[in-house]
Structure formats: C-alpha cells, structure tokens
C-alpha atoms as a PDB file:
ATOM      1  CA  UNK A   1      -0.288   0.223   0.252  1.00  0.00           C
ATOM      2  CA  UNK A   2       1.382   3.314  -0.620  1.00  0.00           C
ATOM      3  CA  UNK A   3       0.210   7.059  -1.557  1.00  0.00           C
ATOM      4  CA  UNK A   4      -0.890   7.379  -4.989  1.00  0.00           C
ATOM      5  CA  UNK A   5       0.017  11.450  -5.856  1.00  0.00           C
ATOM      6  CA  UNK A   6       0.602  14.529  -4.339  1.00  0.00           C
ATOM      7  CA  UNK A   7       3.416  15.928  -1.685  1.00  0.00           C
ATOM      8  CA  UNK A   8       3.194  12.022  -0.118  1.00  0.00           C
ATOM      9  CA  UNK A   9       3.718  10.244  -3.410  1.00  0.00           C
ATOM     10  CA  UNK A  10       5.254   6.812  -3.743  1.00  0.00           C
ATOM     11  CA  UNK A  11       5.522   6.279   0.449  1.00  0.00           C
ATOM     12  CA  UNK A  12       4.145   3.276   1.916  1.00  0.00           C
ATOM     13  CA  UNK A  13       1.862   2.893   4.594  1.00  0.00           C
ATOM     14  CA  UNK A  14       1.409   0.080   6.962  1.00  0.00           C
ATOM     15  CA  UNK A  15      -2.455  -1.914   7.197  1.00  0.00           C
ATOM     16  CA  UNK A  16      -3.465  -3.257  10.517  1.00  0.00           C
ATOM     17  CA  UNK A  17      -2.664  -7.078  10.774  1.00  0.00           C
ATOM     18  CA  UNK A  18      -5.660  -9.855  10.255  1.00  0.00           C
ATOM     19  CA  UNK A  19      -8.853  -9.203   7.914  1.00  0.00           C
ATOM     20  CA  UNK A  20     -11.096  -6.768  10.251  1.00  0.00           C
ATOM     21  CA  UNK A  21      -9.430  -3.666   8.535  1.00  0.00           C
ATOM     22  CA  UNK A  22      -9.746  -3.992   4.700  1.00  0.00           C
ATOM     23  CA  UNK A  23      -7.426  -1.216   3.573  1.00  0.00           C
ATOM     24  CA  UNK A  24      -8.756   0.608   0.206  1.00  0.00           C
ATOM     25  CA  UNK A  25      -6.684  -0.842  -2.622  1.00  0.00           C
ATOM     26  CA  UNK A  26      -4.477   1.328  -4.554  1.00  0.00           C
ATOM     27  CA  UNK A  27      -6.054   1.229  -7.663  1.00  0.00           C
ATOM     28  CA  UNK A  28      -9.414   1.751  -6.060  1.00  0.00           C
ATOM     29  CA  UNK A  29      -8.007   4.569  -3.968  1.00  0.00           C
ATOM     30  CA  UNK A  30      -6.257   6.163  -7.144  1.00  0.00           C
ATOM     31  CA  UNK A  31     -10.057   5.792  -9.077  1.00  0.00           C
ATOM     32  CA  UNK A  32     -11.566   7.709  -5.965  1.00  0.00           C
ATOM     33  CA  UNK A  33      -9.034  10.452  -5.853  1.00  0.00           C
ATOM     34  CA  UNK A  34      -9.420  11.025  -9.731  1.00  0.00           C
ATOM     35  CA  UNK A  35     -13.260  11.517  -9.857  1.00  0.00           C
ATOM     36  CA  UNK A  36     -12.447  13.702  -6.288  1.00  0.00           C
ATOM     37  CA  UNK A  37      -9.601  15.533  -7.961  1.00  0.00           C
ATOM     38  CA  UNK A  38     -11.256  18.823  -8.211  1.00  0.00           C
ATOM     39  CA  UNK A  39     -12.564  18.855  -4.735  1.00  0.00           C
ATOM     40  CA  UNK A  40      -9.623  17.766  -2.689  1.00  0.00           C
ATOM     41  CA  UNK A  41      -7.499  20.845  -2.421  1.00  0.00           C
ATOM     42  CA  UNK A  42      -8.304  23.218   0.358  1.00  0.00           C
ATOM     43  CA  UNK A  43     -11.268  20.744   1.560  1.00  0.00           C
ATOM     44  CA  UNK A  44     -11.886  19.436   4.894  1.00  0.00           C
ATOM     45  CA  UNK A  45     -12.162  15.488   4.851  1.00  0.00           C
ATOM     46  CA  UNK A  46     -14.057  13.479   7.427  1.00  0.00           C
ATOM     47  CA  UNK A  47     -12.639  10.131   6.998  1.00  0.00           C
ATOM     48  CA  UNK A  48     -14.839   7.444   9.035  1.00  0.00           C
ATOM     49  CA  UNK A  49     -14.067   3.900   9.721  1.00  0.00           C
ATOM     50  CA  UNK A  50     -10.384   5.463   9.231  1.00  0.00           C
ATOM     51  CA  UNK A  51      -8.572   1.818   9.238  1.00  0.00           C
ATOM     52  CA  UNK A  52      -5.033   2.731   8.620  1.00  0.00           C
ATOM     53  CA  UNK A  53      -6.000   6.062   7.298  1.00  0.00           C
ATOM     54  CA  UNK A  54      -4.656   5.715   3.507  1.00  0.00           C
ATOM     55  CA  UNK A  55      -7.658   7.462   2.370  1.00  0.00           C
ATOM     56  CA  UNK A  56      -7.263  10.222   4.646  1.00  0.00           C
ATOM     57  CA  UNK A  57      -3.518  10.539   3.961  1.00  0.00           C
ATOM     58  CA  UNK A  58      -4.411  10.729   0.356  1.00  0.00           C
ATOM     59  CA  UNK A  59      -6.052  13.416   0.829  1.00  0.00           C
ATOM     60  CA  UNK A  60      -3.709  15.330   3.088  1.00  0.00           C
ATOM     61  CA  UNK A  61      -0.962  14.404   0.384  1.00  0.00           C
ATOM     62  CA  UNK A  62      -3.208  15.863  -2.258  1.00  0.00           C
ATOM     63  CA  UNK A  63      -3.774  19.408  -0.239  1.00  0.00           C
ATOM     64  CA  UNK A  64      -6.529  18.922   2.009  1.00  0.00           C
ATOM     65  CA  UNK A  65      -7.071  21.407   4.277  1.00  0.00           C
ATOM     66  CA  UNK A  66      -7.796  19.204   6.942  1.00  0.00           C
ATOM     67  CA  UNK A  67      -8.512  15.979   7.636  1.00  0.00           C
ATOM     68  CA  UNK A  68     -10.844  14.529  10.611  1.00  0.00           C
ATOM     69  CA  UNK A  69      -9.853  10.349  11.339  1.00  0.00           C
ATOM     70  CA  UNK A  70     -12.719   8.415  12.652  1.00  0.00           C
ATOM     71  CA  UNK A  71     -11.751   4.779  14.025  1.00  0.00           C
ATOM     72  CA  UNK A  72     -12.341   2.882  17.088  1.00  0.00           C
ATOM     73  CA  UNK A  73     -10.282  -0.423  16.615  1.00  0.00           C
ATOM     74  CA  UNK A  74      -7.092   0.155  18.767  1.00  0.00           C
ATOM     75  CA  UNK A  75      -5.253  -2.140  16.268  1.00  0.00           C
ATOM     76  CA  UNK A  76      -5.790   0.240  13.540  1.00  0.00           C
ATOM     77  CA  UNK A  77      -5.495   3.131  15.987  1.00  0.00           C
ATOM     78  CA  UNK A  78      -1.973   2.499  16.591  1.00  0.00           C
ATOM     79  CA  UNK A  79      -1.316   1.738  12.505  1.00  0.00           C
ATOM     80  CA  UNK A  80      -2.628   4.806  11.800  1.00  0.00           C
ATOM     81  CA  UNK A  81      -0.585   6.912  14.023  1.00  0.00           C
ATOM     82  CA  UNK A  82       2.498   4.939  13.120  1.00  0.00           C
ATOM     83  CA  UNK A  83       1.356   6.129   9.128  1.00  0.00           C
ATOM     84  CA  UNK A  84       1.301   9.700  10.217  1.00  0.00           C
ATOM     85  CA  UNK A  85       4.667   9.577  12.069  1.00  0.00           C
ATOM     86  CA  UNK A  86       6.573   7.735   9.129  1.00  0.00           C
ATOM     87  CA  UNK A  87       5.477  10.094   6.994  1.00  0.00           C
ATOM     88  CA  UNK A  88       6.183  13.281   9.049  1.00  0.00           C
ATOM     89  CA  UNK A  89       2.501  14.496   9.256  1.00  0.00           C
ATOM     90  CA  UNK A  90       2.390  16.483  12.429  1.00  0.00           C
ATOM     91  CA  UNK A  91      -0.854  18.689  11.458  1.00  0.00           C
ATOM     92  CA  UNK A  92      -3.885  18.965   9.381  1.00  0.00           C
ATOM     93  CA  UNK A  93      -5.266  16.593  11.036  1.00  0.00           C
ATOM     94  CA  UNK A  94      -7.226  15.116  14.012  1.00  0.00           C
ATOM     95  CA  UNK A  95      -8.168  11.668  15.120  1.00  0.00           C
ATOM     96  CA  UNK A  96     -11.525  10.800  16.727  1.00  0.00           C
ATOM     97  CA  UNK A  97     -10.570   7.475  18.844  1.00  0.00           C
ATOM     98  CA  UNK A  98     -14.711   6.802  18.935  1.00  0.00           C
ATOM     99  CA  UNK A  99     -17.367   4.496  17.183  1.00  0.00           C
ATOM    100  CA  UNK A 100     -18.448   6.314  14.008  1.00  0.00           C
ATOM    101  CA  UNK A 101     -22.221   6.854  15.110  1.00  0.00           C
ATOM    102  CA  UNK A 102     -21.163   7.940  18.848  1.00  0.00           C
ATOM    103  CA  UNK A 103     -18.673  10.615  16.753  1.00  0.00           C
ATOM    104  CA  UNK A 104     -21.746  11.790  14.539  1.00  0.00           C
ATOM    105  CA  UNK A 105     -24.123  12.502  17.511  1.00  0.00           C
ATOM    106  CA  UNK A 106     -21.457  14.216  19.320  1.00  0.00           C
ATOM    107  CA  UNK A 107     -20.338  16.994  16.447  1.00  0.00           C
ATOM    108  CA  UNK A 108     -23.849  17.484  15.754  1.00  0.00           C
ATOM    109  CA  UNK A 109     -24.729  18.356  19.203  1.00  0.00           C
ATOM    110  CA  UNK A 110     -21.652  20.806  19.590  1.00  0.00           C
ATOM    111  CA  UNK A 111     -22.494  24.393  19.427  1.00  0.00           C
ATOM    112  CA  UNK A 112     -19.854  24.950  16.601  1.00  0.00           C
ATOM    113  CA  UNK A 113     -20.701  22.016  14.003  1.00  0.00           C
ATOM    114  CA  UNK A 114     -17.775  21.466  11.699  1.00  0.00           C
ATOM    115  CA  UNK A 115     -18.774  21.260   8.361  1.00  0.00           C
ATOM    116  CA  UNK A 116     -16.888  18.567   5.206  1.00  0.00           C
ATOM    117  CA  UNK A 117     -16.918  18.685   1.763  1.00  0.00           C
ATOM    118  CA  UNK A 118     -15.795  15.333   1.415  1.00  0.00           C
ATOM    119  CA  UNK A 119     -17.190  12.605   3.563  1.00  0.00           C
ATOM    120  CA  UNK A 120     -16.074   9.050   2.990  1.00  0.00           C
ATOM    121  CA  UNK A 121     -16.963   5.857   4.675  1.00  0.00           C
ATOM    122  CA  UNK A 122     -15.807   1.852   4.598  1.00  0.00           C
ATOM    123  CA  UNK A 123     -16.958  -0.133   7.730  1.00  0.00           C
ATOM    124  CA  UNK A 124     -15.898  -3.350   7.565  1.00  0.00           C
ATOM    125  CA  UNK A 125     -17.576  -5.488   5.342  1.00  0.00           C
ATOM    126  CA  UNK A 126     -19.049  -7.771   7.568  1.00  0.00           C
ATOM    127  CA  UNK A 127     -20.417  -4.594   9.495  1.00  0.00           C
ATOM    128  CA  UNK A 128     -23.229  -3.942   6.866  1.00  0.00           C
ATOM    129  CA  UNK A 129     -25.691  -2.684   9.024  1.00  0.00           C
ATOM    130  CA  UNK A 130     -23.140   0.151   9.670  1.00  0.00           C
ATOM    131  CA  UNK A 131     -23.924   1.203   6.101  1.00  0.00           C
ATOM    132  CA  UNK A 132     -27.426   1.891   6.755  1.00  0.00           C
ATOM    133  CA  UNK A 133     -27.077   3.732   9.793  1.00  0.00           C
ATOM    134  CA  UNK A 134     -24.065   6.000   8.899  1.00  0.00           C
ATOM    135  CA  UNK A 135     -25.688   7.086   5.756  1.00  0.00           C
ATOM    136  CA  UNK A 136     -28.952   7.825   7.481  1.00  0.00           C
ATOM    137  CA  UNK A 137     -27.388   9.774   9.990  1.00  0.00           C
ATOM    138  CA  UNK A 138     -25.895  11.967   7.149  1.00  0.00           C
ATOM    139  CA  UNK A 139     -29.299  12.188   5.339  1.00  0.00           C
ATOM    140  CA  UNK A 140     -30.631  13.270   8.801  1.00  0.00           C
ATOM    141  CA  UNK A 141     -29.965  13.984  12.084  1.00  0.00           C
ATOM    142  CA  UNK A 142     -26.220  14.825  11.112  1.00  0.00           C
ATOM    143  CA  UNK A 143     -26.909  16.647   8.017  1.00  0.00           C
ATOM    144  CA  UNK A 144     -25.469  19.882   9.208  1.00  0.00           C
ATOM    145  CA  UNK A 145     -22.016  18.389   8.918  1.00  0.00           C
ATOM    146  CA  UNK A 146     -22.246  18.563   5.000  1.00  0.00           C
ATOM    147  CA  UNK A 147     -20.784  21.853   3.602  1.00  0.00           C
ATOM    148  CA  UNK A 148     -22.938  23.463   0.694  1.00  0.00           C
ATOM    149  CA  UNK A 149     -22.373  20.849  -2.126  1.00  0.00           C
ATOM    150  CA  UNK A 150     -20.581  18.481  -0.152  1.00  0.00           C
ATOM    151  CA  UNK A 151     -20.037  14.518  -1.610  1.00  0.00           C
ATOM    152  CA  UNK A 152     -20.152  11.265   0.657  1.00  0.00           C
ATOM    153  CA  UNK A 153     -18.807   8.299  -0.506  1.00  0.00           C
ATOM    154  CA  UNK A 154     -19.539   4.762   0.679  1.00  0.00           C
ATOM    155  CA  UNK A 155     -16.941   1.732  -0.404  1.00  0.00           C
ATOM    156  CA  UNK A 156     -18.751  -1.345  -0.379  1.00  0.00           C
ATOM    157  CA  UNK A 157     -18.824  -5.106  -2.005  1.00  0.00           C
ATOM    158  CA  UNK A 158     -19.864  -5.120  -5.762  1.00  0.00           C
ATOM    159  CA  UNK A 159     -22.125  -7.304  -4.796  1.00  0.00           C
ATOM    160  CA  UNK A 160     -23.929  -5.468  -1.669  1.00  0.00           C
ATOM    161  CA  UNK A 161     -26.410  -2.925  -2.965  1.00  0.00           C
ATOM    162  CA  UNK A 162     -26.422  -0.047  -1.185  1.00  0.00           C
ATOM    163  CA  UNK A 163     -30.081   2.395  -1.488  1.00  0.00           C
ATOM    164  CA  UNK A 164     -30.207   4.750  -3.845  1.00  0.00           C
ATOM    165  CA  UNK A 165     -31.241   7.281  -0.952  1.00  0.00           C
ATOM    166  CA  UNK A 166     -30.893   8.121   2.618  1.00  0.00           C
ATOM    167  CA  UNK A 167     -33.106  10.939   3.589  1.00  0.00           C
ATOM    168  CA  UNK A 168     -31.533  13.610   1.979  1.00  0.00           C
ATOM    169  CA  UNK A 169     -28.831  12.098   0.285  1.00  0.00           C
ATOM    170  CA  UNK A 170     -29.196  10.781  -2.986  1.00  0.00           C
ATOM    171  CA  UNK A 171     -27.001   8.408  -5.354  1.00  0.00           C
ATOM    172  CA  UNK A 172     -25.568  10.259  -8.140  1.00  0.00           C
ATOM    173  CA  UNK A 173     -22.673   7.721  -9.141  1.00  0.00           C
ATOM    174  CA  UNK A 174     -21.777   4.091  -8.753  1.00  0.00           C
ATOM    175  CA  UNK A 175     -18.296   3.416  -9.665  1.00  0.00           C
ATOM    176  CA  UNK A 176     -17.429  -0.946  -9.642  1.00  0.00           C
ATOM    177  CA  UNK A 177     -14.092  -2.093  -9.816  1.00  0.00           C
ATOM    178  CA  UNK A 178     -13.128  -5.441  -9.063  1.00  0.00           C
ATOM    179  CA  UNK A 179     -14.969  -6.428  -6.132  1.00  0.00           C
ATOM    180  CA  UNK A 180     -15.401  -3.527  -4.796  1.00  0.00           C
ATOM    181  CA  UNK A 181     -17.607  -0.500  -5.595  1.00  0.00           C
ATOM    182  CA  UNK A 182     -18.108   3.482  -4.735  1.00  0.00           C
ATOM    183  CA  UNK A 183     -21.233   5.356  -4.134  1.00  0.00           C
ATOM    184  CA  UNK A 184     -21.617   8.792  -4.402  1.00  0.00           C
ATOM    185  CA  UNK A 185     -24.052  10.814  -2.544  1.00  0.00           C
ATOM    186  CA  UNK A 186     -25.206  14.563  -2.617  1.00  0.00           C
ATOM    187  CA  UNK A 187     -27.757  16.284  -0.455  1.00  0.00           C
ATOM    188  CA  UNK A 188     -31.034  16.342  -2.180  1.00  0.00           C
ATOM    189  CA  UNK A 189     -34.091  17.040   0.243  1.00  0.00           C
ATOM    190  CA  UNK A 190     -36.821  14.632  -0.319  1.00  0.00           C
ATOM    191  CA  UNK A 191     -39.829  15.790  -2.682  1.00  0.00           C
END
C-alpha cells in the first residue's frame, strides 16, 4: 500500500494485521481521487472507519485543508498513528478514537458544528448494518455536517447494493472496480 499522488507520493503505508480492517486498494483509491480531484485542494475531509488512514492520508497528500480520522479499533488506531508519524505528518488532521455513530451524534450536538466538503466511509464488510446507520445519520440528524455541495462516498462490496436514497442523501454515481464499488451521494432534500 502506498500514497498515489501529491506531496507524499509513492510513500508506503502499513495496514493493520488480520482481516478486520480491509484497506482500500491502491487502484480503487486512485480511481476515487481521480473523480474527487477538483474537490480535494482546500477541502475539509472526514474519513469515517479510517483504518490505516490510507484514504485520509491520500487527501492530505493532495492538499486537503484538514482531515478528521474516525476509528475505534485499537489495532487500526496504532497503525494510523504510526503511518502519520512515519510520513512526518504533524498538522492538518485530528484523530477521533470513537465509534462512527457516536462521533456523528457528538459532532452534530456541538455548539459549533464543523462542516465537511468530502465524507468517506468504509465500514468493515462484515458490519453491513453500519452503511445504513451511517448514511441515514448523514442524510438526517447529522446532515448539518455536510457543507454546501458536499459529496459522501461509501466503499462497499460490489455485490452489496446500497439504497439510492438515505434521507436527504441521493446516490449520484456508482463506480465498480473488481470486487469493490464506490457509491457517491449528494444532499437533495426529499420531494
């Protein structure tokens, strides 16, 4: 695993041991960031279920203004912190050692709600219920975290179909690559 482009290009990344964390492949990350290229520079990026941090680190490498990593697994958090240290990344990020649902609820309840232009989620494949829970929160109670024109991207198994709509989130694009897929959502209030 490596950083694809930007300031940290070609630098290698570690992944947590075992099968509980499934890092986004280099090829799929390259496809994702080719689509996101016009949005990344200066963006506030929320990396939910961050794992090794590969997606958020790619965003930082490509000049995202800030990345918030949300991860609860201790092994993944150790690898994420190690990757940041090995790459010499000391600013422009924050790590939230929390469950995604708890983080979204807490962030929504905060007096000054941070808003994000790009939100990426990649729950463990064996936690399929997390997709609906998280996307429903982002399309409902936590919609205030989405900046105007924000995009929400969910990485999932190709054969696992996500809904076309979760509250105010509506799928605008589906990219399939190998066994994985990326569903892109934008906020459109229900009619």
